[in-house]
Amino acid sequence: AIAAYTIVPTGSVRDKTARLAEVEKLYAKTPDDPYAFGEKAQLEYDIRQLEQNTKFVASTREQVRAGSTRFLQRLRVPVDDMREAVQFWREGCGALVLSTRIVDGANVTV
């Protein structure tokens, strides 16, 4: 299996909890295995972050519905150097590149 470590957790709490149960068994058998330790730590972090994200979304949803706040959904930022901008957003801010395409002659990266 390929190890995928992320800054921004993806997936579901249910799936990560199920995988964590498997990894905890492996870790109990081989506590000196750095891969088992690393995957266990990553899963624990991801689950905490996903739970916090769920709470944030619920709170923000209610505030938007009540009209007491607004939530930014999209942002367009023109840049002179797309490669440099993508590197900044990915490496500096932890953003994920979802797609890249040419629209009306311009590179549009999402």
Foldseek 3Di string as FASTA:
>chain_A
DDDDAAPAADDDLVVLVVVLVVLVVVCVVPVPDVVSVVSNVRSVVSNVNVVVVVVVVVVVVVCVVVVNDDDDDDDDDDDPDPVVVVCCCCVVVRDDWPDWDADPNDIDTD
